[in-house]
Each structure stands twice: as structure tokens, then as C-alpha cells.
Amino acid sequence: MMLLVGALAVVLWTLRRRRRSRARRLRLALLHALPDTIDIVAAGLRAGCSNSDLLRLAARSAPEPLKAHFVAAIRQFDDGARMGEALSSLARSAGPDVEPLVSVLRDGDHLGIPIDERIARLSTDARATRRRLSEASARELPVRLTLPIVTCILPSFVAIVIVPVLIGTLADLRSNF
């Protein structure tokens, strides 16, 4: 009975860990795609696109993690929802990292204010976030490589360098006695 409970605990722990890992990978992919999506929206703004055209442009050209969310928002808009509702559903489905972009688009739609400068600032911030994430990932690399180095390279080093020296030393000691 205790063995069954222990096995169940291990399985549940593994499933939970996989789910967290998958969620983390999806969030990182979204954060890496966000600056490019913001640049697409900024290019559409400079071209004079309306908010619905900006969403359509992002739905066609955004990198894959965000593309599906923009497609769903456009589908909802085409089905008769207002732009604010479509943007709110985009923010809910894509997560809190996309909320600043959605907020800027919502302000542009509701208030009619120019959002070029805010989009440019948002793009700069998103690129800085992506750079920080990349640097953090690069700092984790030596830690992740420790186990392979110890298990693969260290035994080879011992077999090629240390063992011949020990054999030579033991042979010299035997010949002296």
C-alpha cells in the first residue's frame, strides 16, 4: 500500500513538473516573439492602418506563439464583437505579458489618441526583456553543462592522463623494491 502511494506521489510530482515546464517554455516563447509582433504593429501604424487592420496584420505576420491569439481575436471581431471585446479576449488568451500592447491598442481605439510613441517605447521595453531573458539563459548554461562534463569528460581525463601516470609510478616503485 505504501509503495502504491509512493508511486502515485512520484507520478503526480512528475506530471506537475512537466506542466510547469511546458507553461514556462510557452511563456518564454511568447516573450521572445513579442518584440517582433510589436514591430509589426508599429509598421502597420506608420502605414496608416486602423486597429482592425493592425490585428489582421499581426494575425498574418506575427511569430507562431502569438499568431493563434491574434487569429482568435480577429475571428471574434469578424463575428460581430466590438474591437474592445476582441482586444480583451486577446489579452486573456495570450496572458499578462501581452497586456501592455493590448492596452495601447485599446487606448488608441477608445480615445483616438496617437499611439506611435507608446508603441515605440513598448518595443524598446520588450526587446530589453528579451535580451535579459537571453542573458539569463546564457548564465544558466554552465550549470546545466556541469553534469555532462563530469560524467563524460572527467572519466576520459582520468583514463588518459591519471591512470598512465599511476601505472608508471607503481612500476617504478616495484622496480626499486
Protein backbone atom coordinates (compact mmCIF):
# COMPACT_ATOMS: atom_id res chain seq x y z
CA MET A 1 0.00 0.00 0.00
CA MET A 2 2.82 2.41 0.91
CA LEU A 3 4.57 1.52 -2.33
CA LEU A 4 1.44 2.40 -4.31
CA VAL A 5 1.07 5.74 -2.51
CA GLY A 6 4.75 6.50 -3.10
CA ALA A 7 4.49 5.62 -6.80
CA LEU A 8 1.36 7.78 -7.14
CA ALA A 9 3.15 10.69 -5.45
CA VAL A 10 6.10 10.37 -7.84
CA VAL A 11 3.78 10.26 -10.88
CA LEU A 12 1.83 13.31 -9.70
CA TRP A 13 5.03 15.21 -8.96
CA THR A 14 6.39 14.37 -12.43
CA LEU A 15 3.17 15.46 -14.16
CA ARG A 16 3.09 18.71 -12.22
CA ARG A 17 6.72 19.40 -13.04
CA ARG A 18 6.13 18.73 -16.76
CA ARG A 19 3.10 21.03 -16.77
CA ARG A 20 5.08 23.83 -15.14
CA SER A 21 7.95 23.29 -17.55
CA ARG A 22 5.60 23.40 -20.55
CA ALA A 23 3.95 26.57 -19.25
CA ARG A 24 7.37 28.17 -18.71
CA ARG A 25 8.51 27.24 -22.23
CA LEU A 26 5.33 28.69 -23.74
CA ARG A 27 5.71 31.92 -21.78
CA LEU A 28 9.36 32.26 -22.83
CA ALA A 29 8.44 31.63 -26.47
CA LEU A 30 5.74 34.28 -26.20
CA LEU A 31 8.15 36.77 -24.62
CA HIS A 32 10.70 36.12 -27.38
CA ALA A 33 8.04 36.67 -30.07
CA LEU A 34 6.51 39.79 -28.52
CA PRO A 35 9.05 42.42 -29.73
CA ASP A 36 8.68 41.25 -33.32
CA THR A 37 4.90 41.43 -33.04
CA ILE A 38 5.10 44.92 -31.59
CA ASP A 39 7.33 45.94 -34.51
CA ILE A 40 4.76 44.55 -36.94
CA VAL A 41 2.07 46.65 -35.24
CA ALA A 42 4.34 49.72 -35.33
CA ALA A 43 4.96 49.22 -39.05
CA GLY A 44 1.21 48.98 -39.60
CA LEU A 45 0.69 52.20 -37.64
CA ARG A 46 3.27 54.03 -39.74
CA ALA A 47 1.47 52.72 -42.84
CA GLY A 48 -1.81 54.22 -41.58
CA CYS A 49 -3.68 51.02 -40.69
CA SER A 50 -6.74 51.05 -38.46
CA ASN A 51 -6.91 48.91 -35.32
CA SER A 52 -8.76 46.12 -37.11
CA ASP A 53 -6.17 46.21 -39.89
CA LEU A 54 -3.39 46.11 -37.26
CA LEU A 55 -4.92 42.98 -35.75
CA ARG A 56 -5.25 41.40 -39.19
CA LEU A 57 -1.64 42.27 -39.99
CA ALA A 58 -0.47 40.77 -36.70
CA ALA A 59 -2.61 37.68 -37.32
CA ARG A 60 -0.90 37.17 -40.68
CA SER A 61 2.67 38.11 -39.76
CA ALA A 62 3.20 37.53 -36.04
CA PRO A 63 5.55 34.78 -34.90
CA GLU A 64 3.88 31.48 -34.09
CA PRO A 65 3.31 31.71 -30.32
CA LEU A 66 1.24 34.88 -30.74
CA LYS A 67 -0.28 34.26 -34.15
CA ALA A 68 -3.06 31.97 -32.89
CA HIS A 69 -4.14 34.53 -30.28
CA PHE A 70 -4.40 37.30 -32.88
CA VAL A 71 -6.28 35.00 -35.26
CA ALA A 72 -8.80 34.22 -32.50
CA ALA A 73 -9.24 37.94 -31.76
CA ILE A 74 -9.83 38.70 -35.45
CA ARG A 75 -12.30 35.84 -35.70
CA GLN A 76 -14.18 37.24 -32.72
CA PHE A 77 -14.14 40.73 -34.25
CA ASP A 78 -15.39 39.38 -37.58
CA ASP A 79 -18.20 37.56 -35.76
CA GLY A 80 -19.56 40.90 -34.58
CA ALA A 81 -17.75 41.69 -31.33
CA ARG A 82 -16.55 45.20 -30.72
CA MET A 83 -12.85 45.95 -31.00
CA GLY A 84 -12.55 46.41 -27.23
CA GLU A 85 -14.03 42.98 -26.61
CA ALA A 86 -11.73 41.38 -29.18
CA LEU A 87 -8.72 43.08 -27.58
CA SER A 88 -9.83 41.95 -24.11
CA SER A 89 -10.13 38.36 -25.28
CA LEU A 90 -6.66 38.69 -26.85
CA ALA A 91 -5.25 39.83 -23.51
CA ARG A 92 -6.98 36.99 -21.64
CA SER A 93 -5.86 34.28 -24.05
CA ALA A 94 -2.28 35.47 -24.58
CA GLY A 95 -1.60 36.27 -20.94
CA PRO A 96 -0.39 39.21 -18.90
CA ASP A 97 2.77 39.75 -20.99
CA VAL A 98 0.69 40.97 -23.95
CA GLU A 99 -1.45 43.26 -21.79
CA PRO A 100 0.69 46.41 -22.38
CA LEU A 101 0.31 46.04 -26.17
CA VAL A 102 -3.41 45.42 -25.83
CA SER A 103 -3.73 48.41 -23.50
CA VAL A 104 -2.04 50.70 -26.02
CA LEU A 105 -4.26 49.43 -28.85
CA ARG A 106 -7.35 49.79 -26.65
CA ASP A 107 -6.42 53.37 -25.77
CA GLY A 108 -5.92 54.15 -29.44
CA ASP A 109 -9.31 52.65 -30.27
CA HIS A 110 -11.33 54.19 -27.41
CA LEU A 111 -9.64 57.55 -27.01
CA GLY A 112 -8.41 58.09 -30.55
CA ILE A 113 -5.01 59.25 -29.32
CA PRO A 114 -1.82 58.76 -31.33
CA ILE A 115 -0.02 55.70 -30.05
CA ASP A 116 3.16 55.76 -32.16
CA GLU A 117 5.42 56.88 -29.31
CA ARG A 118 3.89 54.43 -26.84
CA ILE A 119 4.35 51.56 -29.30
CA ALA A 120 7.99 52.56 -29.86
CA ARG A 121 8.61 52.63 -26.09
CA LEU A 122 6.81 49.31 -25.70
CA SER A 123 9.01 47.78 -28.41
CA THR A 124 12.15 49.01 -26.67
CA ASP A 125 10.98 47.57 -23.34
CA ALA A 126 10.06 44.23 -24.92
CA ARG A 127 13.45 43.96 -26.63
CA ALA A 128 15.19 44.72 -23.33
CA THR A 129 13.13 41.99 -21.66
CA ARG A 130 14.04 39.52 -24.39
CA ARG A 131 17.73 40.44 -24.04
CA ARG A 132 17.58 39.93 -20.25
CA LEU A 133 15.95 36.53 -20.73
CA SER A 134 18.61 35.51 -23.24
CA GLU A 135 21.38 36.62 -20.89
CA ALA A 136 19.81 34.71 -18.01
CA SER A 137 19.59 31.61 -20.18
CA ALA A 138 23.25 32.03 -21.14
CA ARG A 139 24.22 32.28 -17.46
CA GLU A 140 22.38 29.00 -16.74
CA LEU A 141 24.34 27.11 -19.39
CA PRO A 142 27.47 26.34 -17.32
CA VAL A 143 25.29 24.95 -14.53
CA ARG A 144 23.40 22.74 -16.98
CA LEU A 145 26.64 21.51 -18.54
CA THR A 146 28.22 20.50 -15.23
CA LEU A 147 26.69 17.03 -15.11
CA PRO A 148 27.59 16.07 -18.71
CA ILE A 149 31.12 17.35 -18.23
CA VAL A 150 31.60 15.44 -15.00
CA THR A 151 30.11 12.20 -16.34
CA CYS A 152 31.68 12.22 -19.81
CA ILE A 153 34.86 14.26 -19.87
CA LEU A 154 36.21 13.68 -16.37
CA PRO A 155 36.35 9.86 -16.69
CA SER A 156 38.13 10.24 -20.04
CA PHE A 157 40.62 12.61 -18.47
CA VAL A 158 41.26 10.17 -15.63
CA ALA A 159 41.67 7.24 -18.04
CA ILE A 160 44.03 9.08 -20.39
CA VAL A 161 46.12 11.19 -18.00
CA ILE A 162 45.91 9.92 -14.42
CA VAL A 163 45.90 6.14 -14.96
CA PRO A 164 49.12 6.01 -17.07
CA VAL A 165 50.92 8.20 -14.52
CA LEU A 166 49.79 5.89 -11.69
CA ILE A 167 50.85 2.79 -13.61
CA GLY A 168 54.26 4.33 -14.35
CA THR A 169 54.70 5.36 -10.72
CA LEU A 170 53.71 1.91 -9.42
CA ALA A 171 56.08 0.26 -11.91
CA ASP A 172 58.94 2.50 -10.71
CA LEU A 173 58.13 1.72 -7.07
CA ARG A 174 58.10 -2.04 -7.78
CA SER A 175 61.44 -1.90 -9.55
CA ASN A 176 63.03 -0.01 -6.64
CA PHE A 177 61.99 -2.61 -4.05
